[in-house]
Amino acid sequence: MAATHKFLIMVNPVDGQDDALNEWLDTKHIPEVLTTPGFLSCTRYQLTEGETNPRATHKYMHVYDVDTDDLNKTKAAMAEANPTRTPLSPALQLSDMFAVWYKAR
């Protein structure tokens, strides 16, 4: 049985570009990523208004559910598909974006 993973992405929009970023994520980027073998779904979140934790520096989080028994192969498939995907949106603030993988225990 394949291991269950979560692929967590934290992003911010360029100032004033929330709508453009969300449209690109919802209609282009996430559907394209979900074609990668092992990627099952993606849930998007927005930082709760009024959040006071100073470490909460990203407005949006998306969490992919991924089933794979070979994470390196899955990552390679992602990288291989990148040249054919829609280019990154100019509404995405690249300077503080990050991604991290978690494996179910």
PDB file of N, CA and C in Angstrom:
ATOM      1  N   MET A   1       0.846  -1.191   0.000  1.00  0.00           N
ATOM      2  CA  MET A   1       0.000   0.000   0.000  1.00  0.00           C
ATOM      3  C   MET A   1       0.888   1.250   0.000  1.00  0.00           C
ATOM      4  N   ALA A   2       0.459   2.240  -0.757  1.00  0.00           N
ATOM      5  CA  ALA A   2       1.234   3.477  -0.861  1.00  0.00           C
ATOM      6  C   ALA A   2       1.152   4.270   0.433  1.00  0.00           C
ATOM      7  N   ALA A   3       2.208   4.993   0.718  1.00  0.00           N
ATOM      8  CA  ALA A   3       2.242   5.875   1.884  1.00  0.00           C
ATOM      9  C   ALA A   3       1.405   7.113   1.598  1.00  0.00           C
ATOM     10  N   THR A   4       0.806   7.661   2.624  1.00  0.00           N
ATOM     11  CA  THR A   4       0.018   8.876   2.482  1.00  0.00           C
ATOM     12  C   THR A   4       0.882  10.067   2.854  1.00  0.00           C
ATOM     13  N   HIS A   5       0.852  11.074   2.012  1.00  0.00           N
ATOM     14  CA  HIS A   5       1.623  12.297   2.228  1.00  0.00           C
ATOM     15  C   HIS A   5       0.719  13.511   2.131  1.00  0.00           C
ATOM     16  N   LYS A   6       1.161  14.574   2.748  1.00  0.00           N
ATOM     17  CA  LYS A   6       0.563  15.891   2.581  1.00  0.00           C
ATOM     18  C   LYS A   6       1.650  16.786   2.003  1.00  0.00           C
ATOM     19  N   PHE A   7       1.295  17.528   0.980  1.00  0.00           N
ATOM     20  CA  PHE A   7       2.197  18.494   0.369  1.00  0.00           C
ATOM     21  C   PHE A   7       1.603  19.860   0.668  1.00  0.00           C
ATOM     22  N   LEU A   8       2.262  20.592   1.526  1.00  0.00           N
ATOM     23  CA  LEU A   8       1.773  21.862   2.041  1.00  0.00           C
ATOM     24  C   LEU A   8       2.467  23.013   1.317  1.00  0.00           C
ATOM     25  N   ILE A   9       1.664  23.935   0.793  1.00  0.00           N
ATOM     26  CA  ILE A   9       2.189  25.102   0.089  1.00  0.00           C
ATOM     27  C   ILE A   9       1.663  26.351   0.793  1.00  0.00           C
ATOM     28  N   MET A  10       2.551  27.274   1.110  1.00  0.00           N
ATOM     29  CA  MET A  10       2.178  28.539   1.745  1.00  0.00           C
ATOM     30  C   MET A  10       2.524  29.661   0.778  1.00  0.00           C
ATOM     31  N   VAL A  11       1.534  30.516   0.489  1.00  0.00           N
ATOM     32  CA  VAL A  11       1.755  31.580  -0.496  1.00  0.00           C
ATOM     33  C   VAL A  11       1.087  32.879  -0.063  1.00  0.00           C
ATOM     34  N   ASN A  12       1.581  33.938  -0.659  1.00  0.00           N
ATOM     35  CA  ASN A  12       0.985  35.267  -0.544  1.00  0.00           C
ATOM     36  C   ASN A  12       0.791  35.818  -1.942  1.00  0.00           C
ATOM     37  N   PRO A  13      -0.216  36.663  -2.118  1.00  0.00           N
ATOM     38  CA  PRO A  13      -0.367  37.347  -3.399  1.00  0.00           C
ATOM     39  C   PRO A  13       0.502  38.601  -3.422  1.00  0.00           C
ATOM     40  N   VAL A  14       0.834  39.045  -4.602  1.00  0.00           N
ATOM     41  CA  VAL A  14       1.389  40.378  -4.771  1.00  0.00           C
ATOM     42  C   VAL A  14       0.289  41.330  -4.299  1.00  0.00           C
ATOM     43  N   ASP A  15       0.670  42.428  -3.672  1.00  0.00           N
ATOM     44  CA  ASP A  15      -0.315  43.380  -3.152  1.00  0.00           C
ATOM     45  C   ASP A  15      -1.385  43.705  -4.196  1.00  0.00           C
ATOM     46  N   GLY A  16      -2.643  43.558  -3.772  1.00  0.00           N
ATOM     47  CA  GLY A  16      -3.761  43.886  -4.629  1.00  0.00           C
ATOM     48  C   GLY A  16      -4.097  42.856  -5.687  1.00  0.00           C
ATOM     49  N   GLN A  17      -3.419  41.700  -5.653  1.00  0.00           N
ATOM     50  CA  GLN A  17      -3.601  40.699  -6.707  1.00  0.00           C
ATOM     51  C   GLN A  17      -4.280  39.413  -6.218  1.00  0.00           C
ATOM     52  N   ASP A  18      -5.025  39.493  -5.113  1.00  0.00           N
ATOM     53  CA  ASP A  18      -5.692  38.295  -4.576  1.00  0.00           C
ATOM     54  C   ASP A  18      -6.566  37.600  -5.611  1.00  0.00           C
ATOM     55  N   ASP A  19      -7.426  38.358  -6.266  1.00  0.00           N
ATOM     56  CA  ASP A  19      -8.356  37.748  -7.225  1.00  0.00           C
ATOM     57  C   ASP A  19      -7.615  37.049  -8.356  1.00  0.00           C
ATOM     58  N   ALA A  20      -6.607  37.687  -8.885  1.00  0.00           N
ATOM     59  CA  ALA A  20      -5.836  37.088  -9.985  1.00  0.00           C
ATOM     60  C   ALA A  20      -5.119  35.823  -9.519  1.00  0.00           C
ATOM     61  N   LEU A  21      -4.535  35.857  -8.317  1.00  0.00           N
ATOM     62  CA  LEU A  21      -3.843  34.680  -7.801  1.00  0.00           C
ATOM     63  C   LEU A  21      -4.827  33.541  -7.598  1.00  0.00           C
ATOM     64  N   ASN A  22      -5.946  33.825  -6.954  1.00  0.00           N
ATOM     65  CA  ASN A  22      -6.919  32.767  -6.684  1.00  0.00           C
ATOM     66  C   ASN A  22      -7.503  32.181  -7.962  1.00  0.00           C
ATOM     67  N   GLU A  23      -7.746  33.014  -8.959  1.00  0.00           N
ATOM     68  CA  GLU A  23      -8.250  32.495 -10.235  1.00  0.00           C
ATOM     69  C   GLU A  23      -7.226  31.562 -10.873  1.00  0.00           C
ATOM     70  N   TRP A  24      -5.959  31.972 -10.890  1.00  0.00           N
ATOM     71  CA  TRP A  24      -4.907  31.137 -11.472  1.00  0.00           C
ATOM     72  C   TRP A  24      -4.778  29.815 -10.706  1.00  0.00           C
ATOM     73  N   LEU A  25      -4.771  29.888  -9.374  1.00  0.00           N
ATOM     74  CA  LEU A  25      -4.668  28.664  -8.579  1.00  0.00           C
ATOM     75  C   LEU A  25      -5.837  27.723  -8.841  1.00  0.00           C
ATOM     76  N   ASP A  26      -7.058  28.264  -8.823  1.00  0.00           N
ATOM     77  CA  ASP A  26      -8.260  27.438  -8.942  1.00  0.00           C
ATOM     78  C   ASP A  26      -8.506  26.895 -10.345  1.00  0.00           C
ATOM     79  N   THR A  27      -8.147  27.667 -11.366  1.00  0.00           N
ATOM     80  CA  THR A  27      -8.500  27.253 -12.729  1.00  0.00           C
ATOM     81  C   THR A  27      -7.333  26.711 -13.547  1.00  0.00           C
ATOM     82  N   LYS A  28      -6.122  27.008 -13.133  1.00  0.00           N
ATOM     83  CA  LYS A  28      -4.953  26.574 -13.911  1.00  0.00           C
ATOM     84  C   LYS A  28      -4.033  25.667 -13.092  1.00  0.00           C
ATOM     85  N   HIS A  29      -3.380  26.256 -12.093  1.00  0.00           N
ATOM     86  CA  HIS A  29      -2.286  25.572 -11.416  1.00  0.00           C
ATOM     87  C   HIS A  29      -2.717  24.301 -10.681  1.00  0.00           C
ATOM     88  N   ILE A  30      -3.667  24.421  -9.786  1.00  0.00           N
ATOM     89  CA  ILE A  30      -4.054  23.243  -8.989  1.00  0.00           C
ATOM     90  C   ILE A  30      -4.608  22.127  -9.871  1.00  0.00           C
ATOM     91  N   PRO A  31      -5.510  22.402 -10.825  1.00  0.00           N
ATOM     92  CA  PRO A  31      -5.962  21.307 -11.689  1.00  0.00           C
ATOM     93  C   PRO A  31      -4.811  20.630 -12.454  1.00  0.00           C
ATOM     94  N   GLU A  32      -3.817  21.419 -12.866  1.00  0.00           N
ATOM     95  CA  GLU A  32      -2.672  20.826 -13.566  1.00  0.00           C
ATOM     96  C   GLU A  32      -1.845  19.958 -12.625  1.00  0.00           C
ATOM     97  N   VAL A  33      -1.588  20.427 -11.415  1.00  0.00           N
ATOM     98  CA  VAL A  33      -0.812  19.634 -10.447  1.00  0.00           C
ATOM     99  C   VAL A  33      -1.541  18.337 -10.132  1.00  0.00           C
ATOM    100  N   LEU A  34      -2.856  18.382 -10.058  1.00  0.00           N
ATOM    101  CA  LEU A  34      -3.629  17.184  -9.713  1.00  0.00           C
ATOM    102  C   LEU A  34      -3.584  16.105 -10.786  1.00  0.00           C
ATOM    103  N   THR A  35      -3.026  16.414 -11.956  1.00  0.00           N
ATOM    104  CA  THR A  35      -2.844  15.382 -12.975  1.00  0.00           C
ATOM    105  C   THR A  35      -1.584  14.553 -12.713  1.00  0.00           C
ATOM    106  N   THR A  36      -0.751  14.973 -11.770  1.00  0.00           N
ATOM    107  CA  THR A  36       0.465  14.235 -11.424  1.00  0.00           C
ATOM    108  C   THR A  36       0.074  12.931 -10.751  1.00  0.00           C
ATOM    109  N   PRO A  37       0.639  11.808 -11.190  1.00  0.00           N
ATOM    110  CA  PRO A  37       0.311  10.529 -10.558  1.00  0.00           C
ATOM    111  C   PRO A  37       0.524  10.572  -9.043  1.00  0.00           C
ATOM    112  N   GLY A  38      -0.475  10.104  -8.309  1.00  0.00           N
ATOM    113  CA  GLY A  38      -0.413  10.068  -6.859  1.00  0.00           C
ATOM    114  C   GLY A  38      -1.116  11.235  -6.190  1.00  0.00           C
ATOM    115  N   PHE A  39      -1.278  12.347  -6.895  1.00  0.00           N
ATOM    116  CA  PHE A  39      -1.970  13.506  -6.321  1.00  0.00           C
ATOM    117  C   PHE A  39      -3.477  13.246  -6.375  1.00  0.00           C
ATOM    118  N   LEU A  40      -4.111  13.281  -5.217  1.00  0.00           N
ATOM    119  CA  LEU A  40      -5.521  12.924  -5.122  1.00  0.00           C
ATOM    120  C   LEU A  40      -6.457  14.125  -5.030  1.00  0.00           C
ATOM    121  N   SER A  41      -6.074  15.119  -4.235  1.00  0.00           N
ATOM    122  CA  SER A  41      -6.955  16.264  -4.017  1.00  0.00           C
ATOM    123  C   SER A  41      -6.145  17.418  -3.451  1.00  0.00           C
ATOM    124  N   CYS A  42      -6.778  18.569  -3.432  1.00  0.00           N
ATOM    125  CA  CYS A  42      -6.175  19.762  -2.849  1.00  0.00           C
ATOM    126  C   CYS A  42      -7.253  20.534  -2.109  1.00  0.00           C
ATOM    127  N   THR A  43      -6.937  20.930  -0.889  1.00  0.00           N
ATOM    128  CA  THR A  43      -7.830  21.783  -0.112  1.00  0.00           C
ATOM    129  C   THR A  43      -7.114  23.100   0.105  1.00  0.00           C
ATOM    130  N   ARG A  44      -7.833  24.196  -0.180  1.00  0.00           N
ATOM    131  CA  ARG A  44      -7.254  25.528  -0.033  1.00  0.00           C
ATOM    132  C   ARG A  44      -7.799  26.186   1.217  1.00  0.00           C
ATOM    133  N   TYR A  45      -6.942  26.985   1.863  1.00  0.00           N
ATOM    134  CA  TYR A  45      -7.312  27.690   3.082  1.00  0.00           C
ATOM    135  C   TYR A  45      -6.865  29.135   2.982  1.00  0.00           C
ATOM    136  N   GLN A  46      -7.574  30.003   3.670  1.00  0.00           N
ATOM    137  CA  GLN A  46      -7.207  31.409   3.783  1.00  0.00           C
ATOM    138  C   GLN A  46      -7.026  31.714   5.260  1.00  0.00           C
ATOM    139  N   LEU A  47      -5.995  32.479   5.579  1.00  0.00           N
ATOM    140  CA  LEU A  47      -5.733  32.868   6.958  1.00  0.00           C
ATOM    141  C   LEU A  47      -6.970  33.537   7.543  1.00  0.00           C
ATOM    142  N   THR A  48      -7.321  33.121   8.736  1.00  0.00           N
ATOM    143  CA  THR A  48      -8.496  33.667   9.400  1.00  0.00           C
ATOM    144  C   THR A  48      -8.292  35.148   9.691  1.00  0.00           C
ATOM    145  N   GLU A  49      -9.299  35.940   9.352  1.00  0.00           N
ATOM    146  CA  GLU A  49      -9.221  37.377   9.611  1.00  0.00           C
ATOM    147  C   GLU A  49      -9.051  37.615  11.106  1.00  0.00           C
ATOM    148  N   GLY A  50      -8.129  38.491  11.462  1.00  0.00           N
ATOM    149  CA  GLY A  50      -7.883  38.811  12.855  1.00  0.00           C
ATOM    150  C   GLY A  50      -6.863  37.899  13.523  1.00  0.00           C
ATOM    151  N   GLU A  51      -6.273  36.969  12.782  1.00  0.00           N
ATOM    152  CA  GLU A  51      -5.242  36.087  13.353  1.00  0.00           C
ATOM    153  C   GLU A  51      -4.109  36.955  13.886  1.00  0.00           C
ATOM    154  N   THR A  52      -3.694  36.713  15.126  1.00  0.00           N
ATOM    155  CA  THR A  52      -2.693  37.576  15.764  1.00  0.00           C
ATOM    156  C   THR A  52      -1.337  36.906  15.946  1.00  0.00           C
ATOM    157  N   ASN A  53      -1.199  35.638  15.565  1.00  0.00           N
ATOM    158  CA  ASN A  53       0.088  34.963  15.707  1.00  0.00           C
ATOM    159  C   ASN A  53       1.095  35.620  14.761  1.00  0.00           C
ATOM    160  N   PRO A  54       2.199  36.167  15.280  1.00  0.00           N
ATOM    161  CA  PRO A  54       3.161  36.856  14.410  1.00  0.00           C
ATOM    162  C   PRO A  54       3.854  35.918  13.416  1.00  0.00           C
ATOM    163  N   ARG A  55       3.776  34.607  13.638  1.00  0.00           N
ATOM    164  CA  ARG A  55       4.377  33.656  12.693  1.00  0.00           C
ATOM    165  C   ARG A  55       3.445  33.323  11.530  1.00  0.00           C
ATOM    166  N   ALA A  56       2.226  33.765  11.618  1.00  0.00           N
ATOM    167  CA  ALA A  56       1.254  33.538  10.551  1.00  0.00           C
ATOM    168  C   ALA A  56       1.458  34.601   9.476  1.00  0.00           C
ATOM    169  N   THR A  57       2.419  34.344   8.605  1.00  0.00           N
ATOM    170  CA  THR A  57       2.839  35.353   7.630  1.00  0.00           C
ATOM    171  C   THR A  57       2.332  35.099   6.215  1.00  0.00           C
ATOM    172  N   HIS A  58       1.609  34.008   6.004  1.00  0.00           N
ATOM    173  CA  HIS A  58       1.122  33.675   4.671  1.00  0.00           C
ATOM    174  C   HIS A  58      -0.402  33.720   4.657  1.00  0.00           C
ATOM    175  N   LYS A  59      -0.941  34.358   3.642  1.00  0.00           N
ATOM    176  CA  LYS A  59      -2.393  34.514   3.556  1.00  0.00           C
ATOM    177  C   LYS A  59      -3.090  33.234   3.106  1.00  0.00           C
ATOM    178  N   TYR A  60      -2.429  32.475   2.244  1.00  0.00           N
ATOM    179  CA  TYR A  60      -3.059  31.279   1.690  1.00  0.00           C
ATOM    180  C   TYR A  60      -2.209  30.042   1.918  1.00  0.00           C
ATOM    181  N   MET A  61      -2.924  28.937   2.156  1.00  0.00           N
ATOM    182  CA  MET A  61      -2.292  27.632   2.305  1.00  0.00           C
ATOM    183  C   MET A  61      -3.085  26.665   1.449  1.00  0.00           C
ATOM    184  N   HIS A  62      -2.388  25.824   0.735  1.00  0.00           N
ATOM    185  CA  HIS A  62      -3.089  24.724   0.095  1.00  0.00           C
ATOM    186  C   HIS A  62      -2.374  23.429   0.435  1.00  0.00           C
ATOM    187  N   VAL A  63      -3.193  22.416   0.665  1.00  0.00           N
ATOM    188  CA  VAL A  63      -2.711  21.120   1.134  1.00  0.00           C
ATOM    189  C   VAL A  63      -3.159  20.061   0.129  1.00  0.00           C
ATOM    190  N   TYR A  64      -2.175  19.426  -0.482  1.00  0.00           N
ATOM    191  CA  TYR A  64      -2.453  18.333  -1.411  1.00  0.00           C
ATOM    192  C   TYR A  64      -2.394  17.015  -0.659  1.00  0.00           C
ATOM    193  N   ASP A  65      -3.326  16.119  -0.961  1.00  0.00           N
ATOM    194  CA  ASP A  65      -3.274  14.739  -0.495  1.00  0.00           C
ATOM    195  C   ASP A  65      -2.607  13.928  -1.590  1.00  0.00           C
ATOM    196  N   VAL A  66      -1.533  13.221  -1.217  1.00  0.00           N
ATOM    197  CA  VAL A  66      -0.746  12.479  -2.195  1.00  0.00           C
ATOM    198  C   VAL A  66      -0.508  11.075  -1.673  1.00  0.00           C
ATOM    199  N   ASP A  67      -0.791  10.086  -2.500  1.00  0.00           N
ATOM    200  CA  ASP A  67      -0.482   8.701  -2.159  1.00  0.00           C
ATOM    201  C   ASP A  67       0.626   8.214  -3.082  1.00  0.00           C
ATOM    202  N   THR A  68       1.735   7.846  -2.474  1.00  0.00           N
ATOM    203  CA  THR A  68       2.873   7.329  -3.237  1.00  0.00           C
ATOM    204  C   THR A  68       3.736   6.472  -2.331  1.00  0.00           C
ATOM    205  N   ASP A  69       4.332   5.455  -2.890  1.00  0.00           N
ATOM    206  CA  ASP A  69       5.310   4.679  -2.140  1.00  0.00           C
ATOM    207  C   ASP A  69       6.727   5.027  -2.578  1.00  0.00           C
ATOM    208  N   ASP A  70       6.837   5.990  -3.507  1.00  0.00           N
ATOM    209  CA  ASP A  70       8.145   6.450  -3.977  1.00  0.00           C
ATOM    210  C   ASP A  70       8.080   7.970  -4.162  1.00  0.00           C
ATOM    211  N   LEU A  71       8.339   8.701  -3.090  1.00  0.00           N
ATOM    212  CA  LEU A  71       8.219  10.153  -3.123  1.00  0.00           C
ATOM    213  C   LEU A  71       9.174  10.778  -4.137  1.00  0.00           C
ATOM    214  N   ASN A  72      10.364  10.242  -4.272  1.00  0.00           N
ATOM    215  CA  ASN A  72      11.306  10.788  -5.259  1.00  0.00           C
ATOM    216  C   ASN A  72      10.757  10.663  -6.675  1.00  0.00           C
ATOM    217  N   LYS A  73      10.096   9.559  -6.970  1.00  0.00           N
ATOM    218  CA  LYS A  73       9.487   9.371  -8.288  1.00  0.00           C
ATOM    219  C   LYS A  73       8.353  10.374  -8.501  1.00  0.00           C
ATOM    220  N   THR A  74       7.571  10.621  -7.472  1.00  0.00           N
ATOM    221  CA  THR A  74       6.482  11.594  -7.556  1.00  0.00           C
ATOM    222  C   THR A  74       7.038  12.996  -7.778  1.00  0.00           C
ATOM    223  N   LYS A  75       8.074  13.349  -7.040  1.00  0.00           N
ATOM    224  CA  LYS A  75       8.700  14.661  -7.222  1.00  0.00           C
ATOM    225  C   LYS A  75       9.274  14.796  -8.635  1.00  0.00           C
ATOM    226  N   ALA A  76       9.866  13.729  -9.151  1.00  0.00           N
ATOM    227  CA  ALA A  76      10.422  13.751 -10.506  1.00  0.00           C
ATOM    228  C   ALA A  76       9.310  13.939 -11.540  1.00  0.00           C
ATOM    229  N   ALA A  77       8.162  13.310 -11.325  1.00  0.00           N
ATOM    230  CA  ALA A  77       7.029  13.474 -12.235  1.00  0.00           C
ATOM    231  C   ALA A  77       6.531  14.914 -12.214  1.00  0.00           C
ATOM    232  N   MET A  78       6.530  15.525 -11.037  1.00  0.00           N
ATOM    233  CA  MET A  78       6.145  16.935 -10.933  1.00  0.00           C
ATOM    234  C   MET A  78       7.100  17.811 -11.733  1.00  0.00           C
ATOM    235  N   ALA A  79       8.395  17.597 -11.547  1.00  0.00           N
ATOM    236  CA  ALA A  79       9.402  18.400 -12.238  1.00  0.00           C
ATOM    237  C   ALA A  79       9.327  18.190 -13.756  1.00  0.00           C
ATOM    238  N   GLU A  80       9.067  16.971 -14.167  1.00  0.00           N
ATOM    239  CA  GLU A  80       8.978  16.658 -15.593  1.00  0.00           C
ATOM    240  C   GLU A  80       7.788  17.373 -16.236  1.00  0.00           C
ATOM    241  N   ALA A  81       6.717  17.528 -15.494  1.00  0.00           N
ATOM    242  CA  ALA A  81       5.511  18.162 -16.040  1.00  0.00           C
ATOM    243  C   ALA A  81       5.588  19.685 -16.034  1.00  0.00           C
ATOM    244  N   ASN A  82       6.466  20.262 -15.240  1.00  0.00           N
ATOM    245  CA  ASN A  82       6.518  21.722 -15.102  1.00  0.00           C
ATOM    246  C   ASN A  82       6.622  22.478 -16.423  1.00  0.00           C
ATOM    247  N   PRO A  83       7.457  22.046 -17.371  1.00  0.00           N
ATOM    248  CA  PRO A  83       7.573  22.819 -18.616  1.00  0.00           C
ATOM    249  C   PRO A  83       6.278  22.885 -19.430  1.00  0.00           C
ATOM    250  N   THR A  84       5.356  21.954 -19.214  1.00  0.00           N
ATOM    251  CA  THR A  84       4.110  21.938 -19.990  1.00  0.00           C
ATOM    252  C   THR A  84       2.960  22.624 -19.258  1.00  0.00           C
ATOM    253  N   ARG A  85       3.193  23.036 -18.037  1.00  0.00           N
ATOM    254  CA  ARG A  85       2.138  23.672 -17.251  1.00  0.00           C
ATOM    255  C   ARG A  85       2.065  25.168 -17.542  1.00  0.00           C
ATOM    256  N   THR A  86       0.914  25.738 -17.185  1.00  0.00           N
ATOM    257  CA  THR A  86       0.727  27.173 -17.300  1.00  0.00           C
ATOM    258  C   THR A  86       1.829  27.871 -16.505  1.00  0.00           C
ATOM    259  N   PRO A  87       2.443  28.916 -17.040  1.00  0.00           N
ATOM    260  CA  PRO A  87       3.501  29.628 -16.298  1.00  0.00           C
ATOM    261  C   PRO A  87       2.978  30.162 -14.968  1.00  0.00           C
ATOM    262  N   LEU A  88       3.897  30.372 -14.031  1.00  0.00           N
ATOM    263  CA  LEU A  88       3.524  30.940 -12.743  1.00  0.00           C
ATOM    264  C   LEU A  88       2.852  32.286 -12.940  1.00  0.00           C
ATOM    265  N   SER A  89       1.890  32.555 -12.094  1.00  0.00           N
ATOM    266  CA  SER A  89       1.156  33.811 -12.181  1.00  0.00           C
ATOM    267  C   SER A  89       2.003  34.964 -11.664  1.00  0.00           C
ATOM    268  N   PRO A  90       1.977  36.107 -12.342  1.00  0.00           N
ATOM    269  CA  PRO A  90       2.671  37.283 -11.809  1.00  0.00           C
ATOM    270  C   PRO A  90       2.021  37.784 -10.513  1.00  0.00           C
ATOM    271  N   ALA A  91       0.852  37.265 -10.167  1.00  0.00           N
ATOM    272  CA  ALA A  91       0.178  37.639  -8.919  1.00  0.00           C
ATOM    273  C   ALA A  91       0.719  36.862  -7.717  1.00  0.00           C
ATOM    274  N   LEU A  92       1.570  35.885  -7.976  1.00  0.00           N
ATOM    275  CA  LEU A  92       2.153  35.066  -6.906  1.00  0.00           C
ATOM    276  C   LEU A  92       3.432  35.720  -6.403  1.00  0.00           C
ATOM    277  N   GLN A  93       3.482  36.000  -5.124  1.00  0.00           N
ATOM    278  CA  GLN A  93       4.689  36.578  -4.512  1.00  0.00           C
ATOM    279  C   GLN A  93       5.673  35.431  -4.256  1.00  0.00           C
ATOM    280  N   LEU A  94       6.696  35.343  -5.074  1.00  0.00           N
ATOM    281  CA  LEU A  94       7.637  34.224  -5.002  1.00  0.00           C
ATOM    282  C   LEU A  94       8.624  34.335  -3.843  1.00  0.00           C
ATOM    283  N   SER A  95       8.873  35.534  -3.362  1.00  0.00           N
ATOM    284  CA  SER A  95       9.942  35.753  -2.388  1.00  0.00           C
ATOM    285  C   SER A  95       9.733  35.034  -1.056  1.00  0.00           C
ATOM    286  N   ASP A  96       8.491  34.768  -0.675  1.00  0.00           N
ATOM    287  CA  ASP A  96       8.280  34.109   0.623  1.00  0.00           C
ATOM    288  C   ASP A  96       7.461  32.827   0.520  1.00  0.00           C
ATOM    289  N   MET A  97       7.206  32.377  -0.672  1.00  0.00           N
ATOM    290  CA  MET A  97       6.485  31.127  -0.874  1.00  0.00           C
ATOM    291  C   MET A  97       7.325  29.960  -0.368  1.00  0.00           C
ATOM    292  N   PHE A  98       6.678  28.952   0.220  1.00  0.00           N
ATOM    293  CA  PHE A  98       7.413  27.734   0.537  1.00  0.00           C
ATOM    294  C   PHE A  98       6.513  26.527   0.451  1.00  0.00           C
ATOM    295  N   ALA A  99       7.157  25.372   0.276  1.00  0.00           N
ATOM    296  CA  ALA A  99       6.461  24.097   0.192  1.00  0.00           C
ATOM    297  C   ALA A  99       7.195  23.084   1.046  1.00  0.00           C
ATOM    298  N   VAL A 100       6.431  22.155   1.619  1.00  0.00           N
ATOM    299  CA  VAL A 100       7.030  21.131   2.469  1.00  0.00           C
ATOM    300  C   VAL A 100       6.176  19.854   2.394  1.00  0.00           C
ATOM    301  N   TRP A 101       6.845  18.722   2.478  1.00  0.00           N
ATOM    302  CA  TRP A 101       6.191  17.422   2.443  1.00  0.00           C
ATOM    303  C   TRP A 101       6.095  16.837   3.844  1.00  0.00           C
ATOM    304  N   TYR A 102       4.963  16.191   4.130  1.00  0.00           N
ATOM    305  CA  TYR A 102       4.776  15.458   5.381  1.00  0.00           C
ATOM    306  C   TYR A 102       4.276  14.060   5.044  1.00  0.00           C
ATOM    307  N   LYS A 103       4.787  13.093   5.781  1.00  0.00           N
ATOM    308  CA  LYS A 103       4.364  11.692   5.600  1.00  0.00           C
ATOM    309  C   LYS A 103       3.505  11.269   6.775  1.00  0.00           C
ATOM    310  N   ALA A 104       2.432  10.541   6.491  1.00  0.00           N
ATOM    311  CA  ALA A 104       1.573  10.043   7.568  1.00  0.00           C
ATOM    312  C   ALA A 104       2.352   9.059   8.432  1.00  0.00           C
ATOM    313  N   ARG A 105       2.081   9.117   9.713  1.00  0.00           N
ATOM    314  CA  ARG A 105       2.741   8.214  10.650  1.00  0.00           C
ATOM    315  C   ARG A 105       1.892   6.997  10.904  1.00  0.00           C
TER     316      ARG A 105
END
